[in-house]
Every structure is written in C-alpha cells, then in structure tokens.
Full PDB file with SEQRES, HELIX, SHEET, SSBOND, CRYST1, ORIGX, SCALE, CONECT and MASTER records, all heavy atoms in Angstrom:
SEQRES   1 A   33  VAL PHE SER CYS GLY VAL HIS MET ALA ASP PHE THR ALA          
SEQRES   2 A   33  GLU ALA GLN ASP SER PRO PRO ASP LEU ARG LEU SER VAL          
SEQRES   3 A   33  TYR LEU THR THR ASP SER VAL                                  
HELIX    1 AA1 MET A    8  ASP A   17  1                                  10    
CRYST1    1.000    1.000    1.000  90.00  90.00  90.00 P 1           1          
ORIGX1      1.000000  0.000000  0.000000        0.00000                         
ORIGX2      0.000000  1.000000  0.000000        0.00000                         
ORIGX3      0.000000  0.000000  1.000000        0.00000                         
SCALE1      1.000000  0.000000  0.000000        0.00000                         
SCALE2      0.000000  1.000000  0.000000        0.00000                         
SCALE3      0.000000  0.000000  1.000000        0.00000                         
ATOM      1  N   VAL A   1      11.915 -46.952 -35.322  1.00  0.00           N  
ATOM      2  CA  VAL A   1      11.745 -45.961 -36.316  1.00  0.00           C  
ATOM      3  C   VAL A   1      12.595 -46.281 -37.591  1.00  0.00           C  
ATOM      4  O   VAL A   1      12.095 -46.285 -38.719  1.00  0.00           O  
ATOM      5  CB  VAL A   1      12.163 -44.545 -35.827  1.00  0.00           C  
ATOM      6  CG1 VAL A   1      12.286 -43.570 -36.955  1.00  0.00           C  
ATOM      7  CG2 VAL A   1      11.168 -44.071 -34.797  1.00  0.00           C  
ATOM      8  N   PHE A   2      13.849 -46.651 -37.408  1.00  0.00           N  
ATOM      9  CA  PHE A   2      14.681 -46.934 -38.562  1.00  0.00           C  
ATOM     10  C   PHE A   2      14.334 -48.262 -39.208  1.00  0.00           C  
ATOM     11  O   PHE A   2      14.440 -48.424 -40.402  1.00  0.00           O  
ATOM     12  CB  PHE A   2      16.164 -46.830 -38.213  1.00  0.00           C  
ATOM     13  CG  PHE A   2      16.649 -45.440 -38.008  1.00  0.00           C  
ATOM     14  CD1 PHE A   2      16.937 -44.956 -36.771  1.00  0.00           C  
ATOM     15  CD2 PHE A   2      16.690 -44.577 -39.102  1.00  0.00           C  
ATOM     16  CE1 PHE A   2      17.286 -43.648 -36.596  1.00  0.00           C  
ATOM     17  CE2 PHE A   2      17.072 -43.280 -38.916  1.00  0.00           C  
ATOM     18  CZ  PHE A   2      17.334 -42.762 -37.672  1.00  0.00           C  
ATOM     19  N   SER A   3      13.954 -49.276 -38.431  1.00  0.00           N  
ATOM     20  CA  SER A   3      13.598 -50.579 -39.040  1.00  0.00           C  
ATOM     21  C   SER A   3      12.280 -50.534 -39.822  1.00  0.00           C  
ATOM     22  O   SER A   3      12.051 -51.312 -40.667  1.00  0.00           O  
ATOM     23  CB  SER A   3      13.541 -51.648 -37.955  1.00  0.00           C  
ATOM     24  OG  SER A   3      12.448 -51.412 -37.096  1.00  0.00           O  
ATOM     25  N   CYS A   4      11.448 -49.532 -39.483  1.00  0.00           N  
ATOM     26  CA  CYS A   4      10.173 -49.378 -40.192  1.00  0.00           C  
ATOM     27  C   CYS A   4      10.377 -48.601 -41.486  1.00  0.00           C  
ATOM     28  O   CYS A   4       9.413 -48.327 -42.247  1.00  0.00           O  
ATOM     29  CB  CYS A   4       9.133 -48.710 -39.357  1.00  0.00           C  
ATOM     30  SG  CYS A   4       8.585 -49.691 -37.968  1.00  0.00           S  
ATOM     31  N   GLY A   5      11.568 -48.165 -41.752  1.00  0.00           N  
ATOM     32  CA  GLY A   5      11.852 -47.430 -42.979  1.00  0.00           C  
ATOM     33  C   GLY A   5      11.477 -45.979 -42.892  1.00  0.00           C  
ATOM     34  O   GLY A   5      11.387 -45.283 -43.882  1.00  0.00           O  
ATOM     35  N   VAL A   6      11.229 -45.427 -41.748  1.00  0.00           N  
ATOM     36  CA  VAL A   6      10.920 -44.002 -41.565  1.00  0.00           C  
ATOM     37  C   VAL A   6      12.216 -43.278 -41.477  1.00  0.00           C  
ATOM     38  O   VAL A   6      13.114 -43.579 -40.657  1.00  0.00           O  
ATOM     39  CB  VAL A   6      10.095 -43.806 -40.279  1.00  0.00           C  
ATOM     40  CG1 VAL A   6       9.830 -42.316 -40.097  1.00  0.00           C  
ATOM     41  CG2 VAL A   6       8.778 -44.536 -40.347  1.00  0.00           C  
ATOM     42  N   HIS A   7      12.408 -42.280 -42.327  1.00  0.00           N  
ATOM     43  CA  HIS A   7      13.619 -41.529 -42.320  1.00  0.00           C  
ATOM     44  C   HIS A   7      13.339 -40.170 -41.649  1.00  0.00           C  
ATOM     45  O   HIS A   7      12.241 -39.629 -41.719  1.00  0.00           O  
ATOM     46  CB  HIS A   7      14.083 -41.256 -43.798  1.00  0.00           C  
ATOM     47  CG  HIS A   7      14.369 -42.507 -44.519  1.00  0.00           C  
ATOM     48  ND1 HIS A   7      15.489 -43.290 -44.269  1.00  0.00           N  
ATOM     49  CD2 HIS A   7      13.648 -43.162 -45.448  1.00  0.00           C  
ATOM     50  CE1 HIS A   7      15.443 -44.314 -45.035  1.00  0.00           C  
ATOM     51  NE2 HIS A   7      14.371 -44.245 -45.755  1.00  0.00           N  
ATOM     52  N   MET A   8      14.356 -39.652 -40.940  1.00  0.00           N  
ATOM     53  CA  MET A   8      14.172 -38.402 -40.178  1.00  0.00           C  
ATOM     54  C   MET A   8      13.746 -37.256 -41.131  1.00  0.00           C  
ATOM     55  O   MET A   8      12.952 -36.428 -40.743  1.00  0.00           O  
ATOM     56  CB  MET A   8      15.438 -38.060 -39.453  1.00  0.00           C  
ATOM     57  CG  MET A   8      15.232 -36.961 -38.451  1.00  0.00           C  
ATOM     58  SD  MET A   8      13.983 -37.261 -37.225  1.00  0.00           S  
ATOM     59  CE  MET A   8      14.785 -38.412 -36.138  1.00  0.00           C  
ATOM     60  N   ALA A   9      14.248 -37.269 -42.354  1.00  0.00           N  
ATOM     61  CA  ALA A   9      13.881 -36.204 -43.324  1.00  0.00           C  
ATOM     62  C   ALA A   9      12.389 -36.253 -43.611  1.00  0.00           C  
ATOM     63  O   ALA A   9      11.766 -35.213 -43.715  1.00  0.00           O  
ATOM     64  CB  ALA A   9      14.706 -36.352 -44.643  1.00  0.00           C  
ATOM     65  N   ASP A  10      11.818 -37.469 -43.731  1.00  0.00           N  
ATOM     66  CA  ASP A  10      10.399 -37.610 -43.947  1.00  0.00           C  
ATOM     67  C   ASP A  10       9.597 -37.022 -42.727  1.00  0.00           C  
ATOM     68  O   ASP A  10       8.588 -36.372 -42.924  1.00  0.00           O  
ATOM     69  CB  ASP A  10       9.974 -39.065 -44.151  1.00  0.00           C  
ATOM     70  CG  ASP A  10      10.666 -39.661 -45.399  1.00  0.00           C  
ATOM     71  OD1 ASP A  10      11.023 -38.910 -46.312  1.00  0.00           O  
ATOM     72  OD2 ASP A  10      10.777 -40.920 -45.407  1.00  0.00           O  
ATOM     73  N   PHE A  11      10.045 -37.347 -41.545  1.00  0.00           N  
ATOM     74  CA  PHE A  11       9.411 -36.851 -40.358  1.00  0.00           C  
ATOM     75  C   PHE A  11       9.473 -35.335 -40.277  1.00  0.00           C  
ATOM     76  O   PHE A  11       8.493 -34.693 -39.955  1.00  0.00           O  
ATOM     77  CB  PHE A  11      10.074 -37.504 -39.161  1.00  0.00           C  
ATOM     78  CG  PHE A  11       9.597 -36.975 -37.809  1.00  0.00           C  
ATOM     79  CD1 PHE A  11       8.402 -37.329 -37.286  1.00  0.00           C  
ATOM     80  CD2 PHE A  11      10.376 -36.066 -37.101  1.00  0.00           C  
ATOM     81  CE1 PHE A  11       7.947 -36.835 -36.073  1.00  0.00           C  
ATOM     82  CE2 PHE A  11       9.938 -35.562 -35.890  1.00  0.00           C  
ATOM     83  CZ  PHE A  11       8.713 -35.909 -35.387  1.00  0.00           C  
ATOM     84  N   THR A  12      10.634 -34.794 -40.608  1.00  0.00           N  
ATOM     85  CA  THR A  12      10.816 -33.364 -40.534  1.00  0.00           C  
ATOM     86  C   THR A  12       9.873 -32.651 -41.507  1.00  0.00           C  
ATOM     87  O   THR A  12       9.238 -31.662 -41.200  1.00  0.00           O  
ATOM     88  CB  THR A  12      12.297 -32.977 -40.802  1.00  0.00           C  
ATOM     89  OG1 THR A  12      13.102 -33.652 -39.822  1.00  0.00           O  
ATOM     90  CG2 THR A  12      12.490 -31.439 -40.777  1.00  0.00           C  
ATOM     91  N   ALA A  13       9.821 -33.161 -42.755  1.00  0.00           N  
ATOM     92  CA  ALA A  13       8.949 -32.579 -43.739  1.00  0.00           C  
ATOM     93  C   ALA A  13       7.484 -32.631 -43.286  1.00  0.00           C  
ATOM     94  O   ALA A  13       6.743 -31.629 -43.439  1.00  0.00           O  
ATOM     95  CB  ALA A  13       9.124 -33.307 -45.071  1.00  0.00           C  
ATOM     96  N   GLU A  14       7.085 -33.724 -42.688  1.00  0.00           N  
ATOM     97  CA  GLU A  14       5.710 -33.809 -42.241  1.00  0.00           C  
ATOM     98  C   GLU A  14       5.433 -32.863 -41.068  1.00  0.00           C  
ATOM     99  O   GLU A  14       4.387 -32.211 -41.011  1.00  0.00           O  
ATOM    100  CB  GLU A  14       5.445 -35.252 -41.793  1.00  0.00           C  
ATOM    101  CG  GLU A  14       4.013 -35.504 -41.399  1.00  0.00           C  
ATOM    102  CD  GLU A  14       3.741 -36.953 -41.055  1.00  0.00           C  
ATOM    103  OE1 GLU A  14       4.345 -37.827 -41.689  1.00  0.00           O  
ATOM    104  OE2 GLU A  14       2.935 -37.207 -40.210  1.00  0.00           O  
ATOM    105  N   ALA A  15       6.410 -32.724 -40.205  1.00  0.00           N  
ATOM    106  CA  ALA A  15       6.267 -31.754 -39.081  1.00  0.00           C  
ATOM    107  C   ALA A  15       6.179 -30.349 -39.548  1.00  0.00           C  
ATOM    108  O   ALA A  15       5.363 -29.552 -39.048  1.00  0.00           O  
ATOM    109  CB  ALA A  15       7.418 -31.938 -38.117  1.00  0.00           C  
ATOM    110  N   GLN A  16       6.944 -30.005 -40.576  1.00  0.00           N  
ATOM    111  CA  GLN A  16       6.906 -28.653 -41.152  1.00  0.00           C  
ATOM    112  C   GLN A  16       5.584 -28.374 -41.867  1.00  0.00           C  
ATOM    113  O   GLN A  16       5.048 -27.266 -41.833  1.00  0.00           O  
ATOM    114  CB  GLN A  16       8.054 -28.460 -42.105  1.00  0.00           C  
ATOM    115  CG  GLN A  16       9.391 -28.313 -41.373  1.00  0.00           C  
ATOM    116  CD  GLN A  16      10.570 -28.285 -42.367  1.00  0.00           C  
ATOM    117  OE1 GLN A  16      10.492 -28.857 -43.472  1.00  0.00           O  
ATOM    118  NE2 GLN A  16      11.593 -27.641 -41.971  1.00  0.00           N  
ATOM    119  N   ASP A  17       4.993 -29.396 -42.506  1.00  0.00           N  
ATOM    120  CA  ASP A  17       3.748 -29.200 -43.241  1.00  0.00           C  
ATOM    121  C   ASP A  17       2.529 -29.117 -42.269  1.00  0.00           C  
ATOM    122  O   ASP A  17       1.481 -28.580 -42.648  1.00  0.00           O  
ATOM    123  CB  ASP A  17       3.502 -30.408 -44.194  1.00  0.00           C  
ATOM    124  CG  ASP A  17       4.526 -30.382 -45.322  1.00  0.00           C  
ATOM    125  OD1 ASP A  17       5.087 -29.271 -45.611  1.00  0.00           O  
ATOM    126  OD2 ASP A  17       4.699 -31.421 -45.935  1.00  0.00           O  
ATOM    127  N   SER A  18       2.639 -29.634 -41.087  1.00  0.00           N  
ATOM    128  CA  SER A  18       1.470 -29.617 -40.115  1.00  0.00           C  
ATOM    129  C   SER A  18       1.896 -29.065 -38.772  1.00  0.00           C  
ATOM    130  O   SER A  18       1.734 -29.742 -37.748  1.00  0.00           O  
ATOM    131  CB  SER A  18       1.052 -31.053 -39.969  1.00  0.00           C  
ATOM    132  OG  SER A  18       0.639 -31.602 -41.186  1.00  0.00           O  
ATOM    133  N   PRO A  19       2.377 -27.857 -38.700  1.00  0.00           N  
ATOM    134  CA  PRO A  19       2.860 -27.303 -37.428  1.00  0.00           C  
ATOM    135  C   PRO A  19       1.766 -27.304 -36.338  1.00  0.00           C  
ATOM    136  O   PRO A  19       2.070 -27.557 -35.139  1.00  0.00           O  
ATOM    137  CB  PRO A  19       3.323 -25.895 -37.736  1.00  0.00           C  
ATOM    138  CG  PRO A  19       2.935 -25.631 -39.074  1.00  0.00           C  
ATOM    139  CD  PRO A  19       2.581 -26.880 -39.765  1.00  0.00           C  
ATOM    140  N   PRO A  20       0.446 -27.084 -36.639  1.00  0.00           N  
ATOM    141  CA  PRO A  20      -0.535 -27.075 -35.554  1.00  0.00           C  
ATOM    142  C   PRO A  20      -0.754 -28.509 -34.996  1.00  0.00           C  
ATOM    143  O   PRO A  20      -1.206 -28.699 -33.897  1.00  0.00           O  
ATOM    144  CB  PRO A  20      -1.801 -26.544 -36.164  1.00  0.00           C  
ATOM    145  CG  PRO A  20      -1.393 -25.925 -37.419  1.00  0.00           C  
ATOM    146  CD  PRO A  20      -0.140 -26.591 -37.889  1.00  0.00           C  
ATOM    147  N   ASP A  21      -0.450 -29.532 -35.846  1.00  0.00           N  
ATOM    148  CA  ASP A  21      -0.754 -30.905 -35.399  1.00  0.00           C  
ATOM    149  C   ASP A  21       0.385 -31.546 -34.614  1.00  0.00           C  
ATOM    150  O   ASP A  21       0.153 -32.449 -33.861  1.00  0.00           O  
ATOM    151  CB  ASP A  21      -1.002 -31.746 -36.619  1.00  0.00           C  
ATOM    152  CG  ASP A  21      -2.193 -31.290 -37.390  1.00  0.00           C  
ATOM    153  OD1 ASP A  21      -3.097 -30.697 -36.798  1.00  0.00           O  
ATOM    154  OD2 ASP A  21      -2.229 -31.519 -38.647  1.00  0.00           O  
ATOM    155  N   LEU A  22       1.574 -31.110 -34.779  1.00  0.00           N  
ATOM    156  CA  LEU A  22       2.702 -31.703 -34.113  1.00  0.00           C  
ATOM    157  C   LEU A  22       3.561 -30.602 -33.451  1.00  0.00           C  
ATOM    158  O   LEU A  22       4.138 -29.768 -34.087  1.00  0.00           O  
ATOM    159  CB  LEU A  22       3.621 -32.459 -35.156  1.00  0.00           C  
ATOM    160  CG  LEU A  22       4.836 -33.147 -34.533  1.00  0.00           C  
ATOM    161  CD1 LEU A  22       4.429 -34.193 -33.521  1.00  0.00           C  
ATOM    162  CD2 LEU A  22       5.644 -33.749 -35.646  1.00  0.00           C  
ATOM    163  N   ARG A  23       3.564 -30.648 -32.133  1.00  0.00           N  
ATOM    164  CA  ARG A  23       4.350 -29.680 -31.345  1.00  0.00           C  
ATOM    165  C   ARG A  23       5.265 -30.445 -30.464  1.00  0.00           C  
ATOM    166  O   ARG A  23       4.867 -31.318 -29.703  1.00  0.00           O  
ATOM    167  CB  ARG A  23       3.472 -28.757 -30.553  1.00  0.00           C  
ATOM    168  CG  ARG A  23       2.564 -27.936 -31.484  1.00  0.00           C  
ATOM    169  CD  ARG A  23       2.125 -26.706 -30.869  1.00  0.00           C  
ATOM    170  NE  ARG A  23       1.491 -25.905 -31.905  1.00  0.00           N  
ATOM    171  CZ  ARG A  23       0.301 -25.415 -31.766  1.00  0.00           C  
ATOM    172  NH1 ARG A  23      -0.370 -25.536 -30.654  1.00  0.00           N  
ATOM    173  NH2 ARG A  23      -0.217 -24.721 -32.704  1.00  0.00           N  
ATOM    174  N   LEU A  24       6.570 -30.095 -30.482  1.00  0.00           N  
ATOM    175  CA  LEU A  24       7.510 -30.743 -29.673  1.00  0.00           C  
ATOM    176  C   LEU A  24       8.034 -29.816 -28.561  1.00  0.00           C  
ATOM    177  O   LEU A  24       8.250 -28.611 -28.849  1.00  0.00           O  
ATOM    178  CB  LEU A  24       8.702 -31.240 -30.511  1.00  0.00           C  
ATOM    179  CG  LEU A  24       8.358 -32.197 -31.662  1.00  0.00           C  
ATOM    180  CD1 LEU A  24       9.576 -32.434 -32.508  1.00  0.00           C  
ATOM    181  CD2 LEU A  24       7.777 -33.453 -31.088  1.00  0.00           C  
ATOM    182  N   SER A  25       8.195 -30.325 -27.373  1.00  0.00           N  
ATOM    183  CA  SER A  25       8.724 -29.556 -26.240  1.00  0.00           C  
ATOM    184  C   SER A  25       9.898 -30.282 -25.586  1.00  0.00           C  
ATOM    185  O   SER A  25       9.995 -31.507 -25.727  1.00  0.00           O  
ATOM    186  CB  SER A  25       7.611 -29.359 -25.205  1.00  0.00           C  
ATOM    187  OG  SER A  25       6.491 -28.749 -25.728  1.00  0.00           O  
ATOM    188  N   VAL A  26      10.704 -29.547 -24.910  1.00  0.00           N  
ATOM    189  CA  VAL A  26      11.757 -30.176 -24.114  1.00  0.00           C  
ATOM    190  C   VAL A  26      11.709 -29.608 -22.699  1.00  0.00           C  
ATOM    191  O   VAL A  26      11.240 -28.486 -22.516  1.00  0.00           O  
ATOM    192  CB  VAL A  26      13.167 -29.917 -24.693  1.00  0.00           C  
ATOM    193  CG1 VAL A  26      13.331 -30.619 -26.051  1.00  0.00           C  
ATOM    194  CG2 VAL A  26      13.501 -28.498 -24.783  1.00  0.00           C  
ATOM    195  N   TYR A  27      12.173 -30.383 -21.763  1.00  0.00           N  
ATOM    196  CA  TYR A  27      12.173 -29.989 -20.363  1.00  0.00           C  
ATOM    197  C   TYR A  27      13.667 -29.813 -19.939  1.00  0.00           C  
ATOM    198  O   TYR A  27      14.459 -30.719 -20.041  1.00  0.00           O  
ATOM    199  CB  TYR A  27      11.509 -31.100 -19.517  1.00  0.00           C  
ATOM    200  CG  TYR A  27      11.326 -30.704 -18.087  1.00  0.00           C  
ATOM    201  CD1 TYR A  27      10.181 -30.093 -17.703  1.00  0.00           C  
ATOM    202  CD2 TYR A  27      12.252 -31.051 -17.105  1.00  0.00           C  
ATOM    203  CE1 TYR A  27       9.914 -29.777 -16.386  1.00  0.00           C  
ATOM    204  CE2 TYR A  27      12.034 -30.735 -15.790  1.00  0.00           C  
ATOM    205  CZ  TYR A  27      10.875 -30.104 -15.404  1.00  0.00           C  
ATOM    206  OH  TYR A  27      10.678 -29.802 -14.093  1.00  0.00           O  
ATOM    207  N   LEU A  28      13.989 -28.604 -19.555  1.00  0.00           N  
ATOM    208  CA  LEU A  28      15.357 -28.311 -19.162  1.00  0.00           C  
ATOM    209  C   LEU A  28      15.416 -28.292 -17.578  1.00  0.00           C  
ATOM    210  O   LEU A  28      14.668 -27.565 -16.938  1.00  0.00           O  
ATOM    211  CB  LEU A  28      15.797 -26.931 -19.648  1.00  0.00           C  
ATOM    212  CG  LEU A  28      15.734 -26.824 -21.205  1.00  0.00           C  
ATOM    213  CD1 LEU A  28      16.065 -25.375 -21.616  1.00  0.00           C  
ATOM    214  CD2 LEU A  28      16.718 -27.752 -21.858  1.00  0.00           C  
ATOM    215  N   THR A  29      16.299 -29.122 -17.047  1.00  0.00           N  
ATOM    216  CA  THR A  29      16.420 -29.252 -15.586  1.00  0.00           C  
ATOM    217  C   THR A  29      17.108 -28.030 -14.998  1.00  0.00           C  
ATOM    218  O   THR A  29      17.700 -27.231 -15.700  1.00  0.00           O  
ATOM    219  CB  THR A  29      17.203 -30.494 -15.240  1.00  0.00           C  
ATOM    220  OG1 THR A  29      18.528 -30.360 -15.771  1.00  0.00           O  
ATOM    221  CG2 THR A  29      16.584 -31.767 -15.768  1.00  0.00           C  
ATOM    222  N   THR A  30      17.065 -27.949 -13.669  1.00  0.00           N  
ATOM    223  CA  THR A  30      17.656 -26.741 -13.004  1.00  0.00           C  
ATOM    224  C   THR A  30      19.169 -26.641 -13.368  1.00  0.00           C  
ATOM    225  O   THR A  30      19.665 -25.610 -13.515  1.00  0.00           O  
ATOM    226  CB  THR A  30      17.495 -26.822 -11.497  1.00  0.00           C  
ATOM    227  OG1 THR A  30      18.034 -28.071 -11.008  1.00  0.00           O  
ATOM    228  CG2 THR A  30      16.077 -26.708 -11.055  1.00  0.00           C  
ATOM    229  N   ASP A  31      19.858 -27.808 -13.449  1.00  0.00           N  
ATOM    230  CA  ASP A  31      21.237 -27.768 -13.852  1.00  0.00           C  
ATOM    231  C   ASP A  31      21.456 -27.095 -15.203  1.00  0.00           C  
ATOM    232  O   ASP A  31      22.326 -26.259 -15.369  1.00  0.00           O  
ATOM    233  CB  ASP A  31      21.871 -29.158 -13.871  1.00  0.00           C  
ATOM    234  CG  ASP A  31      22.078 -29.796 -12.544  1.00  0.00           C  
ATOM    235  OD1 ASP A  31      22.103 -29.049 -11.535  1.00  0.00           O  
ATOM    236  OD2 ASP A  31      22.173 -31.004 -12.467  1.00  0.00           O  
ATOM    237  N   SER A  32      20.567 -27.406 -16.161  1.00  0.00           N  
ATOM    238  CA  SER A  32      20.712 -26.791 -17.487  1.00  0.00           C  
ATOM    239  C   SER A  32      20.373 -25.314 -17.471  1.00  0.00           C  
ATOM    240  O   SER A  32      20.990 -24.514 -18.104  1.00  0.00           O  
ATOM    241  CB  SER A  32      19.760 -27.543 -18.444  1.00  0.00           C  
ATOM    242  OG  SER A  32      20.107 -28.840 -18.651  1.00  0.00           O  
ATOM    243  N   VAL A  33      19.332 -24.989 -16.676  1.00  0.00           N  
ATOM    244  CA  VAL A  33      18.931 -23.556 -16.580  1.00  0.00           C  
ATOM    245  C   VAL A  33      20.034 -22.736 -15.998  1.00  0.00           C  
ATOM    246  O   VAL A  33      20.370 -21.653 -16.416  1.00  0.00           O  
ATOM    247  CB  VAL A  33      17.621 -23.425 -15.793  1.00  0.00           C  
ATOM    248  CG1 VAL A  33      17.258 -21.960 -15.641  1.00  0.00           C  
ATOM    249  CG2 VAL A  33      16.475 -24.192 -16.506  1.00  0.00           C  
TER     250      VAL A  33                                                      
MASTER        0    0    0    1    0    0    0    6  249    1    0    3          
END                                                                             
C-alpha cells in the first residue's frame, strides 16, 4: 500500500464518499468479548 503511493488519508476520503460500496467489519474473539 505504501510503496504504491496510496496514503491512508486518500483511502479514508474514498471510503467516506462511498459508504455503500465499502464496508469494513472486525471479528472480536471470545477473549475480547
């Protein structure tokens, strides 16, 4: 990601502009719960 010149700020802006297209999830294990 960083060697391709993609900056996290660019990714974040894109994600905010297209919320229906990009959805992120996390999986919390029993220890975390």
